[in-house]
PDB file of N, CA and C in Angstrom:
ATOM      1  N   MET A   1     116.089  81.233 116.874  1.00  0.00           N
ATOM      2  CA  MET A   1     116.104  81.227 115.487  1.00  0.00           C
ATOM      3  C   MET A   1     117.303  82.121 114.990  1.00  0.00           C
ATOM      4  N   PRO A   2     118.120  81.419 114.109  1.00  0.00           N
ATOM      5  CA  PRO A   2     119.346  82.116 113.630  1.00  0.00           C
ATOM      6  C   PRO A   2     118.982  83.393 112.801  1.00  0.00           C
ATOM      7  N   MET A   3     119.997  84.266 112.656  1.00  0.00           N
ATOM      8  CA  MET A   3     119.937  85.402 111.775  1.00  0.00           C
ATOM      9  C   MET A   3     120.508  85.148 110.350  1.00  0.00           C
ATOM     10  N   ALA A   4     119.865  85.570 109.342  1.00  0.00           N
ATOM     11  CA  ALA A   4     120.382  85.494 108.045  1.00  0.00           C
ATOM     12  C   ALA A   4     121.445  86.478 107.817  1.00  0.00           C
ATOM     13  N   ALA A   5     122.522  86.045 107.070  1.00  0.00           N
ATOM     14  CA  ALA A   5     123.611  87.000 106.628  1.00  0.00           C
ATOM     15  C   ALA A   5     123.072  88.170 106.020  1.00  0.00           C
ATOM     16  N   THR A   6     122.100  88.083 105.098  1.00  0.00           N
ATOM     17  CA  THR A   6     121.507  89.304 104.453  1.00  0.00           C
ATOM     18  C   THR A   6     120.902  90.230 105.420  1.00  0.00           C
ATOM     19  N   GLU A   7     120.327  89.747 106.455  1.00  0.00           N
ATOM     20  CA  GLU A   7     119.711  90.634 107.480  1.00  0.00           C
ATOM     21  C   GLU A   7     120.812  91.342 108.268  1.00  0.00           C
ATOM     22  N   ILE A   8     121.881  90.672 108.535  1.00  0.00           N
ATOM     23  CA  ILE A   8     122.983  91.328 109.258  1.00  0.00           C
ATOM     24  C   ILE A   8     123.633  92.493 108.381  1.00  0.00           C
ATOM     25  N   GLU A   9     123.782  92.105 107.025  1.00  0.00           N
ATOM     26  CA  GLU A   9     124.395  93.145 106.241  1.00  0.00           C
ATOM     27  C   GLU A   9     123.442  94.289 106.089  1.00  0.00           C
ATOM     28  N   ALA A  10     122.135  94.029 105.894  1.00  0.00           N
ATOM     29  CA  ALA A  10     121.128  95.138 105.750  1.00  0.00           C
ATOM     30  C   ALA A  10     121.193  96.072 106.969  1.00  0.00           C
ATOM     31  N   MET A  11     121.258  95.510 108.140  1.00  0.00           N
ATOM     32  CA  MET A  11     121.132  96.331 109.327  1.00  0.00           C
ATOM     33  C   MET A  11     122.423  97.141 109.539  1.00  0.00           C
ATOM     34  N   ILE A  12     123.570  96.725 109.106  1.00  0.00           N
ATOM     35  CA  ILE A  12     124.812  97.483 109.089  1.00  0.00           C
ATOM     36  C   ILE A  12     124.836  98.550 108.158  1.00  0.00           C
ATOM     37  N   VAL A  13     124.426  98.271 106.862  1.00  0.00           N
ATOM     38  CA  VAL A  13     124.285  99.274 105.836  1.00  0.00           C
ATOM     39  C   VAL A  13     123.211 100.327 106.223  1.00  0.00           C
ATOM     40  N   ALA A  14     122.118 100.002 106.837  1.00  0.00           N
ATOM     41  CA  ALA A  14     121.214 100.971 107.228  1.00  0.00           C
ATOM     42  C   ALA A  14     121.789 101.958 108.209  1.00  0.00           C
ATOM     43  N   ALA A  15     122.638 101.496 109.069  1.00  0.00           N
ATOM     44  CA  ALA A  15     123.242 102.486 110.159  1.00  0.00           C
ATOM     45  C   ALA A  15     124.525 103.102 109.540  1.00  0.00           C
ATOM     46  N   ILE A  16     125.189 102.395 108.693  1.00  0.00           N
ATOM     47  CA  ILE A  16     126.476 102.950 108.075  1.00  0.00           C
ATOM     48  C   ILE A  16     126.264 102.975 106.564  1.00  0.00           C
ATOM     49  N   PRO A  17     125.671 103.884 106.019  1.00  0.00           N
ATOM     50  CA  PRO A  17     125.236 103.803 104.559  1.00  0.00           C
ATOM     51  C   PRO A  17     126.335 103.637 103.556  1.00  0.00           C
ATOM     52  N   ASP A  18     127.575 104.137 103.860  1.00  0.00           N
ATOM     53  CA  ASP A  18     128.595 103.913 102.844  1.00  0.00           C
ATOM     54  C   ASP A  18     129.378 102.635 103.072  1.00  0.00           C
ATOM     55  N   ALA A  19     128.916 101.760 103.975  1.00  0.00           N
ATOM     56  CA  ALA A  19     129.647 100.544 104.344  1.00  0.00           C
ATOM     57  C   ALA A  19     129.680  99.522 103.155  1.00  0.00           C
ATOM     58  N   HIS A  20     130.716  98.924 103.011  1.00  0.00           N
ATOM     59  CA  HIS A  20     130.905  97.638 102.140  1.00  0.00           C
ATOM     60  C   HIS A  20     131.028  96.570 103.136  1.00  0.00           C
ATOM     61  N   VAL A  21     129.988  95.651 103.109  1.00  0.00           N
ATOM     62  CA  VAL A  21     129.974  94.507 104.101  1.00  0.00           C
ATOM     63  C   VAL A  21     130.094  93.156 103.432  1.00  0.00           C
ATOM     64  N   GLU A  22     130.944  92.365 104.049  1.00  0.00           N
ATOM     65  CA  GLU A  22     131.227  91.002 103.611  1.00  0.00           C
ATOM     66  C   GLU A  22     130.925  90.130 104.752  1.00  0.00           C
ATOM     67  N   ILE A  23     129.917  89.226 104.606  1.00  0.00           N
ATOM     68  CA  ILE A  23     129.580  88.328 105.785  1.00  0.00           C
ATOM     69  C   ILE A  23     129.873  86.850 105.314  1.00  0.00           C
ATOM     70  N   THR A  24     130.547  86.206 106.253  1.00  0.00           N
ATOM     71  CA  THR A  24     130.823  84.711 106.039  1.00  0.00           C
ATOM     72  C   THR A  24     130.189  83.939 107.201  1.00  0.00           C
ATOM     73  N   ASP A  25     129.440  82.821 106.823  1.00  0.00           N
ATOM     74  CA  ASP A  25     128.899  82.043 107.839  1.00  0.00           C
ATOM     75  C   ASP A  25     129.963  80.936 108.268  1.00  0.00           C
ATOM     76  N   LEU A  26     130.572  81.132 109.455  1.00  0.00           N
ATOM     77  CA  LEU A  26     131.730  80.353 109.843  1.00  0.00           C
ATOM     78  C   LEU A  26     131.414  78.889 110.162  1.00  0.00           C
ATOM     79  N   ALA A  27     130.262  78.586 110.530  1.00  0.00           N
ATOM     80  CA  ALA A  27     129.934  77.179 110.989  1.00  0.00           C
ATOM     81  C   ALA A  27     128.799  76.592 110.149  1.00  0.00           C
ATOM     82  N   GLY A  28     128.097  77.302 109.313  1.00  0.00           N
ATOM     83  CA  GLY A  28     127.029  76.793 108.454  1.00  0.00           C
ATOM     84  C   GLY A  28     125.778  76.653 109.311  1.00  0.00           C
ATOM     85  N   ASP A  29     125.763  77.270 110.478  1.00  0.00           N
ATOM     86  CA  ASP A  29     124.563  77.181 111.424  1.00  0.00           C
ATOM     87  C   ASP A  29     123.758  78.428 111.510  1.00  0.00           C
ATOM     88  N   GLY A  30     124.251  79.613 110.858  1.00  0.00           N
ATOM     89  CA  GLY A  30     123.509  80.771 111.039  1.00  0.00           C
ATOM     90  C   GLY A  30     123.611  81.513 112.386  1.00  0.00           C
ATOM     91  N   ASP A  31     124.525  80.970 113.190  1.00  0.00           N
ATOM     92  CA  ASP A  31     124.730  81.586 114.478  1.00  0.00           C
ATOM     93  C   ASP A  31     126.194  82.140 114.705  1.00  0.00           C
ATOM     94  N   HIS A  32     127.054  81.703 113.786  1.00  0.00           N
ATOM     95  CA  HIS A  32     128.553  82.135 113.914  1.00  0.00           C
ATOM     96  C   HIS A  32     129.017  82.725 112.623  1.00  0.00           C
ATOM     97  N   TYR A  33     129.095  84.042 112.635  1.00  0.00           N
ATOM     98  CA  TYR A  33     129.598  84.740 111.436  1.00  0.00           C
ATOM     99  C   TYR A  33     130.808  85.400 111.588  1.00  0.00           C
ATOM    100  N   ALA A  34     131.430  85.800 110.410  1.00  0.00           N
ATOM    101  CA  ALA A  34     132.471  86.780 110.389  1.00  0.00           C
ATOM    102  C   ALA A  34     132.033  87.914 109.549  1.00  0.00           C
ATOM    103  N   ALA A  35     132.395  89.100 109.940  1.00  0.00           N
ATOM    104  CA  ALA A  35     131.886  90.257 109.039  1.00  0.00           C
ATOM    105  C   ALA A  35     133.112  91.174 108.866  1.00  0.00           C
ATOM    106  N   ARG A  36     133.314  91.631 107.636  1.00  0.00           N
ATOM    107  CA  ARG A  36     134.367  92.603 107.308  1.00  0.00           C
ATOM    108  C   ARG A  36     133.471  93.821 106.814  1.00  0.00           C
ATOM    109  N   VAL A  37     133.673  94.930 107.584  1.00  0.00           N
ATOM    110  CA  VAL A  37     132.984  96.139 107.270  1.00  0.00           C
ATOM    111  C   VAL A  37     133.967  97.237 107.025  1.00  0.00           C
ATOM    112  N   VAL A  38     133.863  97.792 105.704  1.00  0.00           N
ATOM    113  CA  VAL A  38     134.833  98.754 105.270  1.00  0.00           C
ATOM    114  C   VAL A  38     133.943 100.096 105.071  1.00  0.00           C
ATOM    115  N   SER A  39     134.459 101.211 105.689  1.00  0.00           N
ATOM    116  CA  SER A  39     133.647 102.403 105.686  1.00  0.00           C
ATOM    117  C   SER A  39     134.579 103.665 105.746  1.00  0.00           C
ATOM    118  N   GLU A  40     134.378 104.665 104.960  1.00  0.00           N
ATOM    119  CA  GLU A  40     135.116 105.819 105.090  1.00  0.00           C
ATOM    120  C   GLU A  40     134.919 106.517 106.422  1.00  0.00           C
ATOM    121  N   THR A  41     133.744 106.300 107.071  1.00  0.00           N
ATOM    122  CA  THR A  41     133.302 107.060 108.312  1.00  0.00           C
ATOM    123  C   THR A  41     134.295 106.426 109.528  1.00  0.00           C
ATOM    124  N   PHE A  42     134.960 105.339 109.206  1.00  0.00           N
ATOM    125  CA  PHE A  42     135.887 104.785 110.235  1.00  0.00           C
ATOM    126  C   PHE A  42     137.245 105.501 110.233  1.00  0.00           C
ATOM    127  N   ARG A  43     137.488 106.321 109.213  1.00  0.00           N
ATOM    128  CA  ARG A  43     138.804 106.978 109.193  1.00  0.00           C
ATOM    129  C   ARG A  43     139.023 107.960 110.399  1.00  0.00           C
ATOM    130  N   GLY A  44     140.168 107.597 111.107  1.00  0.00           N
ATOM    131  CA  GLY A  44     140.455 108.475 112.276  1.00  0.00           C
ATOM    132  C   GLY A  44     139.825 107.981 113.501  1.00  0.00           C
ATOM    133  N   VAL A  45     138.951 106.963 113.429  1.00  0.00           N
ATOM    134  CA  VAL A  45     138.164 106.634 114.636  1.00  0.00           C
ATOM    135  C   VAL A  45     138.862 105.342 115.148  1.00  0.00           C
ATOM    136  N   PRO A  46     139.080 105.291 116.507  1.00  0.00           N
ATOM    137  CA  PRO A  46     139.696 104.189 117.073  1.00  0.00           C
ATOM    138  C   PRO A  46     138.913 102.862 116.742  1.00  0.00           C
ATOM    139  N   ARG A  47     139.636 101.777 116.643  1.00  0.00           N
ATOM    140  CA  ARG A  47     139.015 100.459 116.287  1.00  0.00           C
ATOM    141  C   ARG A  47     137.855 100.017 117.230  1.00  0.00           C
ATOM    142  N   VAL A  48     137.973 100.369 118.486  1.00  0.00           N
ATOM    143  CA  VAL A  48     136.988  99.968 119.525  1.00  0.00           C
ATOM    144  C   VAL A  48     135.709 100.808 119.177  1.00  0.00           C
ATOM    145  N   LYS A  49     135.831 102.069 118.822  1.00  0.00           N
ATOM    146  CA  LYS A  49     134.658 102.835 118.363  1.00  0.00           C
ATOM    147  C   LYS A  49     134.032 102.337 117.137  1.00  0.00           C
ATOM    148  N   GLN A  50     134.903 101.935 116.187  1.00  0.00           N
ATOM    149  CA  GLN A  50     134.417 101.275 114.931  1.00  0.00           C
ATOM    150  C   GLN A  50     133.611 100.087 115.241  1.00  0.00           C
ATOM    151  N   HIS A  51     133.997  99.151 115.988  1.00  0.00           N
ATOM    152  CA  HIS A  51     133.291  97.954 116.401  1.00  0.00           C
ATOM    153  C   HIS A  51     132.021  98.283 117.198  1.00  0.00           C
ATOM    154  N   GLN A  52     132.081  99.225 118.002  1.00  0.00           N
ATOM    155  CA  GLN A  52     130.994  99.717 118.751  1.00  0.00           C
ATOM    156  C   GLN A  52     129.748 100.198 117.817  1.00  0.00           C
ATOM    157  N   ALA A  53     130.227 100.884 116.750  1.00  0.00           N
ATOM    158  CA  ALA A  53     129.287 101.372 115.798  1.00  0.00           C
ATOM    159  C   ALA A  53     128.524 100.222 115.045  1.00  0.00           C
ATOM    160  N   VAL A  54     129.405  99.164 114.728  1.00  0.00           N
ATOM    161  CA  VAL A  54     128.801  97.982 114.057  1.00  0.00           C
ATOM    162  C   VAL A  54     127.839  97.303 115.045  1.00  0.00           C
ATOM    163  N   TYR A  55     128.248  97.035 116.279  1.00  0.00           N
ATOM    164  CA  TYR A  55     127.414  96.488 117.240  1.00  0.00           C
ATOM    165  C   TYR A  55     126.084  97.154 117.462  1.00  0.00           C
ATOM    166  N   ALA A  56     126.184  98.494 117.529  1.00  0.00           N
ATOM    167  CA  ALA A  56     125.055  99.347 117.654  1.00  0.00           C
ATOM    168  C   ALA A  56     124.033  99.114 116.577  1.00  0.00           C
ATOM    169  N   ALA A  57     124.628  99.016 115.326  1.00  0.00           N
ATOM    170  CA  ALA A  57     123.796  98.784 114.173  1.00  0.00           C
ATOM    171  C   ALA A  57     122.907  97.591 114.306  1.00  0.00           C
ATOM    172  N   LEU A  58     123.466  96.601 115.060  1.00  0.00           N
ATOM    173  CA  LEU A  58     122.765  95.331 115.173  1.00  0.00           C
ATOM    174  C   LEU A  58     121.695  95.275 116.247  1.00  0.00           C
ATOM    175  N   GLY A  59     121.481  96.495 116.743  1.00  0.00           N
ATOM    176  CA  GLY A  59     120.349  96.764 117.650  1.00  0.00           C
ATOM    177  C   GLY A  59     120.201  95.785 118.876  1.00  0.00           C
ATOM    178  N   GLY A  60     121.268  95.319 119.505  1.00  0.00           N
ATOM    179  CA  GLY A  60     121.201  94.502 120.648  1.00  0.00           C
ATOM    180  C   GLY A  60     121.013  93.005 120.318  1.00  0.00           C
ATOM    181  N   ARG A  61     121.237  92.528 119.159  1.00  0.00           N
ATOM    182  CA  ARG A  61     120.974  91.158 118.761  1.00  0.00           C
ATOM    183  C   ARG A  61     122.229  90.365 119.150  1.00  0.00           C
ATOM    184  N   MET A  62     123.280  90.990 119.393  1.00  0.00           N
ATOM    185  CA  MET A  62     124.489  90.178 119.692  1.00  0.00           C
ATOM    186  C   MET A  62     124.283  89.534 121.036  1.00  0.00           C
ATOM    187  N   GLY A  63     124.742  88.279 121.132  1.00  0.00           N
ATOM    188  CA  GLY A  63     124.518  87.426 122.262  1.00  0.00           C
ATOM    189  C   GLY A  63     123.173  86.852 122.428  1.00  0.00           C
ATOM    190  N   GLY A  64     122.306  87.327 121.544  1.00  0.00           N
ATOM    191  CA  GLY A  64     120.952  86.679 121.565  1.00  0.00           C
ATOM    192  C   GLY A  64     120.606  85.875 120.232  1.00  0.00           C
ATOM    193  N   VAL A  65     119.996  86.632 119.293  1.00  0.00           N
ATOM    194  CA  VAL A  65     119.655  86.006 118.101  1.00  0.00           C
ATOM    195  C   VAL A  65     120.929  85.732 117.290  1.00  0.00           C
ATOM    196  N   LEU A  66     121.935  86.661 117.377  1.00  0.00           N
ATOM    197  CA  LEU A  66     123.225  86.486 116.753  1.00  0.00           C
ATOM    198  C   LEU A  66     124.211  86.075 117.823  1.00  0.00           C
ATOM    199  N   HIS A  67     124.610  84.746 117.736  1.00  0.00           N
ATOM    200  CA  HIS A  67     125.441  84.217 118.877  1.00  0.00           C
ATOM    201  C   HIS A  67     126.770  84.788 118.878  1.00  0.00           C
ATOM    202  N   ALA A  68     127.546  84.713 117.627  1.00  0.00           N
ATOM    203  CA  ALA A  68     128.896  85.148 117.622  1.00  0.00           C
ATOM    204  C   ALA A  68     129.127  85.906 116.257  1.00  0.00           C
ATOM    205  N   LEU A  69     130.005  86.922 116.344  1.00  0.00           N
ATOM    206  CA  LEU A  69     130.353  87.738 115.208  1.00  0.00           C
ATOM    207  C   LEU A  69     131.879  88.124 115.319  1.00  0.00           C
ATOM    208  N   GLN A  70     132.615  87.515 114.452  1.00  0.00           N
ATOM    209  CA  GLN A  70     134.037  87.885 114.349  1.00  0.00           C
ATOM    210  C   GLN A  70     134.107  89.064 113.354  1.00  0.00           C
ATOM    211  N   LEU A  71     134.533  90.197 113.959  1.00  0.00           N
ATOM    212  CA  LEU A  71     134.398  91.408 113.373  1.00  0.00           C
ATOM    213  C   LEU A  71     135.748  92.054 112.916  1.00  0.00           C
ATOM    214  N   THR A  72     135.769  92.407 111.678  1.00  0.00           N
ATOM    215  CA  THR A  72     136.983  93.144 111.147  1.00  0.00           C
ATOM    216  C   THR A  72     136.412  94.530 110.579  1.00  0.00           C
ATOM    217  N   THR A  73     137.031  95.631 110.958  1.00  0.00           N
ATOM    218  CA  THR A  73     136.577  96.963 110.267  1.00  0.00           C
ATOM    219  C   THR A  73     137.829  97.577 109.728  1.00  0.00           C
ATOM    220  N   ALA A  74     137.682  98.362 108.756  1.00  0.00           N
ATOM    221  CA  ALA A  74     138.671  98.990 107.988  1.00  0.00           C
ATOM    222  C   ALA A  74     138.142 100.220 107.285  1.00  0.00           C
ATOM    223  N   THR A  75     139.106 101.029 106.755  1.00  0.00           N
ATOM    224  CA  THR A  75     138.720 102.171 105.857  1.00  0.00           C
ATOM    225  C   THR A  75     139.106 101.721 104.528  1.00  0.00           C
ATOM    226  N   PRO A  76     138.490 102.369 103.472  1.00  0.00           N
ATOM    227  CA  PRO A  76     138.954 102.003 102.033  1.00  0.00           C
ATOM    228  C   PRO A  76     140.305 102.353 101.757  1.00  0.00           C
ATOM    229  N   ASP A  77     141.007 101.653 100.849  1.00  0.00           N
ATOM    230  CA  ASP A  77     142.481 101.938 100.557  1.00  0.00           C
ATOM    231  C   ASP A  77     142.511 103.219  99.880  1.00  0.00           C
TER     232      ASP A  77
END
């Protein structure tokens, strides 16, 4: 069963409360998403660690319920 974009966003915000999250369904199938996550907590943190924080927020759903996530992380301007 695919994951809803709203569920992905809620899980990320629950783990990274100041995050601004934009989710795009890339294929219209609920399995392939792009996410842009902007958070002040990413400032000074290597991109790999930023991505790991987002994947951790998804609680092991990557590769299972959530098939693919194209991830972009950033700090606020």
